[in-house]
Amino acid sequence: MRPARSPSEAHASWPSPAWAWFTVAALMIAYTSSFIDRQILSLLVEPIRRDLVISDTQFSLLAGLAFSLFYTVMGVPLAKLADRGSRRLIILIGITIWSVMTVACGFATSFWALFAARVGVGIGEAALSPAAYSMISDYFPPAKRARALAVYSMGPYIGAGLALMIGGGVIDLISRTGDLSLPFIGQMAPWQQTFVLVGAPGLLIAALFLVVREPPRHGVVKTGVQTAVLPFLWARRSTFYAMILGFSVFGIAGISYLAWIPAVFIRVHGWEPSQVGV
């Protein structure tokens, strides 16, 4: 039996479908961009190790800990901020931060400078999904919400593929021209130029959210079922611990694969980054 809705919920006015789907498209593009920016590092493992004189262990810290730790830690406070503030503005700032920090990766000349830039990428990207899910829930009534969430959730899968395809093509193109000499900056290696070229378009995506509208919040109707959620979860905590552990292991395997499979093809089979991308 479905819980009764309040009069305000039953007669709630929802934003126009055109604006709602425009927002979903913008959010999906942002989600795609976030995965491109986080995954491009894996194609650059060899030149980064060579130029910064770092080990595979240090590179794994750049690909994993620097990003994931702060992405995880910042998720909850940014979600709370999204509950209270402008979600549109939070997303705009988040995209700007991770795009600028991706560009900053291109100016890194040491392990710790690149580590700090990757931390910034993680913090910026942590702002996206909490605010995005909240916005979608206020743009679409429950009967239409699943489809919108499905479209948004396509972002990481598109981004993971495009990161390798676009990144490989950019690296191949830049590698033909070699180092770039810029006034006041000096020499930029091809891998540094790649970060700049991949990160800079994110600022255009951020600009999309200057026109995205902040939807009115519809709120949540509290019921006896909802107030019993926490006791329900606590009584079955062992089951949820197992689920969390399982998803954590799945994440470790997935991220490890994405981070190191390009290096395997490059080192063992002698492939070019453009071939790995395809």
Protein backbone atom coordinates (compact mmCIF):
# COMPACT_ATOMS: atom_id res chain seq x y z
CA MET A 1 0.00 0.00 0.00
CA ARG A 2 1.43 3.36 -1.04
CA PRO A 3 1.66 6.05 1.66
CA ALA A 4 -0.77 8.90 1.24
CA ARG A 5 0.69 12.04 -0.23
CA SER A 6 0.21 15.44 1.24
CA PRO A 7 -1.93 17.93 -0.70
CA SER A 8 1.15 19.97 -1.55
CA GLU A 9 2.86 16.90 -3.01
CA ALA A 10 -0.20 15.75 -4.94
CA HIS A 11 -0.57 19.12 -6.65
CA ALA A 12 3.12 19.97 -6.86
CA SER A 13 4.10 21.86 -9.99
CA TRP A 14 7.08 20.31 -11.72
CA PRO A 15 9.48 22.16 -14.04
CA SER A 16 8.83 21.90 -17.76
CA PRO A 17 10.00 18.65 -19.40
CA ALA A 18 12.22 20.61 -21.80
CA TRP A 19 14.16 22.24 -18.97
CA ALA A 20 14.24 19.01 -17.01
CA TRP A 21 15.79 17.03 -19.86
CA PHE A 22 18.18 19.85 -20.72
CA THR A 23 19.41 19.68 -17.13
CA VAL A 24 19.79 15.90 -17.28
CA ALA A 25 21.78 16.25 -20.51
CA ALA A 26 24.04 18.86 -18.90
CA LEU A 27 24.52 16.65 -15.84
CA MET A 28 25.31 13.62 -17.99
CA ILE A 29 27.88 15.61 -19.98
CA ALA A 30 29.44 16.77 -16.72
CA TYR A 31 29.53 13.19 -15.42
CA THR A 32 31.19 12.05 -18.65
CA SER A 33 33.76 14.85 -18.38
CA SER A 34 34.54 13.88 -14.79
CA PHE A 35 35.46 10.34 -15.83
CA ILE A 36 37.60 11.56 -18.71
CA ASP A 37 39.54 13.83 -16.36
CA ARG A 38 40.03 11.15 -13.71
CA GLN A 39 41.00 8.35 -16.13
CA ILE A 40 43.31 10.20 -18.53
CA LEU A 41 46.18 9.66 -16.09
CA SER A 42 46.30 5.92 -16.84
CA LEU A 43 47.37 6.54 -20.45
CA LEU A 44 50.27 8.72 -19.30
CA VAL A 45 51.92 6.30 -16.90
CA GLU A 46 55.17 5.84 -18.84
CA PRO A 47 56.06 9.48 -19.63
CA ILE A 48 55.06 10.59 -16.11
CA ARG A 49 57.22 7.91 -14.49
CA ARG A 50 60.12 8.85 -16.75
CA ASP A 51 59.95 12.64 -16.36
CA LEU A 52 59.12 12.75 -12.64
CA VAL A 53 61.36 9.77 -11.81
CA ILE A 54 58.72 7.96 -9.77
CA SER A 55 58.00 4.29 -9.12
CA ASP A 56 54.93 2.24 -9.98
CA THR A 57 53.94 2.48 -6.32
CA GLN A 58 54.02 6.26 -6.42
CA PHE A 59 52.04 6.26 -9.65
CA SER A 60 49.42 4.03 -8.03
CA LEU A 61 49.07 6.65 -5.29
CA LEU A 62 48.41 9.27 -7.94
CA ALA A 63 45.84 7.11 -9.70
CA GLY A 64 44.19 5.81 -6.54
CA LEU A 65 44.73 7.34 -3.11
CA ALA A 66 45.19 10.98 -4.12
CA PHE A 67 41.86 10.96 -5.93
CA SER A 68 39.70 8.37 -4.17
CA LEU A 69 40.46 9.25 -0.54
CA PHE A 70 39.43 12.88 -0.85
CA TYR A 71 36.61 12.03 -3.27
CA THR A 72 35.17 9.76 -0.58
CA VAL A 73 35.82 12.01 2.41
CA MET A 74 34.35 15.11 0.78
CA GLY A 75 31.23 13.35 -0.50
CA VAL A 76 29.21 13.55 2.73
CA PRO A 77 29.88 17.22 3.63
CA LEU A 78 29.23 18.28 0.04
CA ALA A 79 25.99 16.27 0.06
CA LYS A 80 24.91 18.09 3.22
CA LEU A 81 25.76 21.38 1.55
CA ALA A 82 23.62 20.37 -1.43
CA ASP A 83 20.70 19.81 0.96
CA ARG A 84 20.90 23.43 2.08
CA GLY A 85 22.42 25.49 -0.72
CA SER A 86 22.16 26.02 -4.45
CA ARG A 87 22.83 22.69 -6.13
CA ARG A 88 23.38 24.39 -9.47
CA LEU A 89 26.10 26.57 -7.97
CA ILE A 90 27.72 23.64 -6.15
CA ILE A 91 27.95 21.70 -9.42
CA LEU A 92 29.26 24.73 -11.31
CA ILE A 93 32.00 25.27 -8.73
CA GLY A 94 32.79 21.55 -8.60
CA ILE A 95 33.24 21.30 -12.39
CA THR A 96 35.40 24.42 -12.36
CA ILE A 97 37.60 23.00 -9.60
CA TRP A 98 38.19 19.60 -11.18
CA SER A 99 38.78 21.15 -14.62
CA VAL A 100 41.28 23.69 -13.29
CA MET A 101 43.03 21.01 -11.24
CA THR A 102 43.23 18.73 -14.29
CA VAL A 103 44.92 21.59 -16.12
CA ALA A 104 47.15 22.05 -13.06
CA CYS A 105 48.30 18.44 -13.48
CA GLY A 106 49.87 19.64 -16.72
CA PHE A 107 52.04 22.13 -14.87
CA ALA A 108 53.23 19.67 -12.22
CA THR A 109 56.98 19.11 -12.16
CA SER A 110 57.19 16.82 -9.14
CA PHE A 111 55.37 13.89 -7.59
CA TRP A 112 53.90 15.98 -4.78
CA ALA A 113 52.71 18.73 -7.12
CA LEU A 114 50.90 16.15 -9.24
CA PHE A 115 49.56 14.47 -6.09
CA ALA A 116 48.10 17.79 -4.88
CA ALA A 117 46.49 18.42 -8.27
CA ARG A 118 44.91 14.96 -8.24
CA VAL A 119 43.54 15.66 -4.76
CA GLY A 120 41.90 18.76 -6.22
CA VAL A 121 40.36 16.71 -9.02
CA GLY A 122 38.87 14.34 -6.44
CA ILE A 123 37.45 17.14 -4.31
CA GLY A 124 35.87 18.85 -7.31
CA GLU A 125 34.29 15.67 -8.65
CA ALA A 126 32.87 14.80 -5.23
CA ALA A 127 30.50 17.75 -5.60
CA LEU A 128 28.71 16.42 -8.68
CA SER A 129 26.63 13.33 -7.91
CA PRO A 130 25.06 14.31 -4.55
CA ALA A 131 23.80 17.58 -6.01
CA ALA A 132 22.87 15.94 -9.34
CA TYR A 133 20.69 13.24 -7.75
CA SER A 134 18.96 15.87 -5.64
CA MET A 135 18.30 18.12 -8.64
CA ILE A 136 16.92 15.27 -10.74
CA SER A 137 14.54 14.27 -7.94
CA ASP A 138 13.14 17.81 -7.95
CA TYR A 139 12.93 18.06 -11.75
CA PHE A 140 10.99 14.83 -12.29
CA PRO A 141 7.97 13.30 -10.53
CA PRO A 142 8.53 9.78 -9.15
CA ALA A 143 6.90 8.08 -12.16
CA LYS A 144 9.47 9.61 -14.56
CA ARG A 145 12.50 9.81 -12.30
CA ALA A 146 14.05 6.40 -13.05
CA ARG A 147 14.51 7.19 -16.74
CA ALA A 148 16.21 10.49 -15.94
CA LEU A 149 18.54 8.81 -13.45
CA ALA A 150 19.35 6.13 -16.03
CA VAL A 151 20.38 8.75 -18.58
CA TYR A 152 22.54 10.53 -16.02
CA SER A 153 24.14 7.23 -14.99
CA MET A 154 25.35 6.67 -18.57
CA GLY A 155 27.98 9.34 -17.94
CA PRO A 156 30.74 7.28 -16.29
CA TYR A 157 30.52 4.49 -18.86
CA ILE A 158 30.70 6.92 -21.76
CA GLY A 159 33.46 8.83 -19.99
CA ALA A 160 35.56 5.76 -19.23
CA GLY A 161 35.57 4.85 -22.91
CA LEU A 162 36.10 8.37 -24.20
CA ALA A 163 38.96 8.94 -21.75
CA LEU A 164 40.98 6.28 -23.53
CA MET A 165 39.80 7.08 -27.07
CA ILE A 166 40.13 10.87 -26.85
CA GLY A 167 43.17 10.72 -24.60
CA GLY A 168 44.95 8.27 -26.85
CA GLY A 169 44.29 10.41 -29.91
CA VAL A 170 45.42 13.61 -28.16
CA ILE A 171 48.60 11.97 -26.88
CA ASP A 172 49.42 10.58 -30.33
CA LEU A 173 48.88 13.98 -31.95
CA ILE A 174 50.88 15.92 -29.39
CA SER A 175 53.71 13.39 -29.31
CA ARG A 176 54.39 14.12 -32.97
CA THR A 177 55.10 17.78 -32.21
CA GLY A 178 57.17 17.10 -29.08
CA ASP A 179 57.78 19.54 -26.25
CA LEU A 180 56.12 22.94 -26.32
CA SER A 181 57.96 26.06 -25.19
CA LEU A 182 55.78 28.76 -23.63
CA PRO A 183 56.75 32.21 -22.33
CA PHE A 184 57.00 32.42 -18.52
CA ILE A 185 56.24 28.69 -18.28
CA GLY A 186 59.05 26.98 -20.13
CA GLN A 187 59.03 23.53 -21.66
CA MET A 188 55.87 21.43 -21.53
CA ALA A 189 56.18 17.74 -22.29
CA PRO A 190 53.45 16.03 -24.37
CA TRP A 191 51.90 14.44 -21.26
CA GLN A 192 51.63 17.87 -19.63
CA GLN A 193 50.00 19.33 -22.73
CA THR A 194 47.53 16.44 -22.70
CA PHE A 195 46.29 17.35 -19.22
CA VAL A 196 45.78 20.96 -20.30
CA LEU A 197 43.89 20.05 -23.48
CA VAL A 198 41.69 17.51 -21.69
CA GLY A 199 40.95 19.68 -18.66
CA ALA A 200 40.29 23.05 -20.30
CA PRO A 201 37.01 22.07 -22.07
CA GLY A 202 35.53 21.36 -18.65
CA LEU A 203 35.27 25.11 -18.13
CA LEU A 204 32.85 25.26 -21.07
CA ILE A 205 30.79 22.51 -19.45
CA ALA A 206 30.77 24.51 -16.22
CA ALA A 207 29.37 27.44 -18.20
CA LEU A 208 26.31 25.31 -19.05
CA PHE A 209 25.29 25.59 -15.43
CA LEU A 210 25.07 29.35 -15.70
CA VAL A 211 21.81 28.75 -17.59
CA VAL A 212 20.60 25.64 -15.74
CA ARG A 213 17.79 26.57 -13.36
CA GLU A 214 17.70 25.59 -9.70
CA PRO A 215 14.43 23.63 -9.30
CA PRO A 216 12.13 24.23 -6.32
CA ARG A 217 12.54 21.64 -3.61
CA HIS A 218 9.54 19.36 -3.23
CA GLY A 219 10.62 17.96 0.10
CA VAL A 220 9.89 14.55 1.58
CA VAL A 221 6.64 13.42 3.13
CA LYS A 222 7.48 11.61 6.34
CA THR A 223 5.69 8.36 7.07
CA GLY A 224 5.93 5.68 9.69
CA VAL A 225 7.78 3.51 7.19
CA GLN A 226 10.45 6.17 6.64
CA THR A 227 11.03 6.80 10.33
CA ALA A 228 11.70 3.08 10.78
CA VAL A 229 14.51 2.99 8.21
CA LEU A 230 17.42 3.48 10.62
CA PRO A 231 16.27 0.76 13.06
CA PHE A 232 15.75 -1.53 10.07
CA LEU A 233 19.29 -0.92 8.80
CA TRP A 234 20.83 -1.32 12.24
CA ALA A 235 19.06 -4.62 12.86
CA ARG A 236 20.51 -5.94 9.60
CA ARG A 237 23.88 -4.24 9.81
CA SER A 238 25.87 -7.44 9.21
CA THR A 239 24.18 -7.81 5.82
CA PHE A 240 24.97 -4.25 4.86
CA TYR A 241 28.57 -4.58 6.08
CA ALA A 242 28.95 -7.52 3.68
CA MET A 243 27.44 -5.51 0.82
CA ILE A 244 29.72 -2.55 1.50
CA LEU A 245 32.74 -4.86 1.63
CA GLY A 246 31.69 -6.51 -1.62
CA PHE A 247 31.28 -3.22 -3.44
CA SER A 248 34.61 -2.02 -2.03
CA VAL A 249 36.40 -5.07 -3.41
CA PHE A 250 34.59 -4.59 -6.71
CA GLY A 251 35.78 -0.98 -6.78
CA ILE A 252 39.37 -1.96 -6.02
CA ALA A 253 39.36 -4.47 -8.87
CA GLY A 254 37.70 -2.09 -11.32
CA ILE A 255 39.91 0.91 -10.59
CA SER A 256 43.05 -1.24 -10.64
CA TYR A 257 42.06 -2.58 -14.04
CA LEU A 258 41.37 0.87 -15.49
CA ALA A 259 44.57 2.30 -14.01
CA TRP A 260 46.98 -0.39 -15.16
CA ILE A 261 45.60 -2.11 -18.28
CA PRO A 262 46.97 0.67 -20.56
CA ALA A 263 50.42 0.18 -19.01
CA VAL A 264 50.24 -3.56 -19.69
CA PHE A 265 49.53 -3.04 -23.39
CA ILE A 266 52.17 -0.32 -23.69
CA ARG A 267 54.92 -2.17 -21.81
CA VAL A 268 54.28 -5.76 -22.80
CA HIS A 269 52.90 -5.40 -26.32
CA GLY A 270 54.52 -2.11 -27.35
CA TRP A 271 51.22 -0.44 -28.22
CA GLU A 272 50.87 3.28 -28.73
CA PRO A 273 48.40 5.17 -26.48
CA SER A 274 46.11 5.70 -29.48
CA GLN A 275 45.92 1.92 -29.99
CA VAL A 276 45.17 1.37 -26.31
CA GLY A 277 42.38 3.94 -26.53
CA VAL A 278 40.64 2.07 -29.29
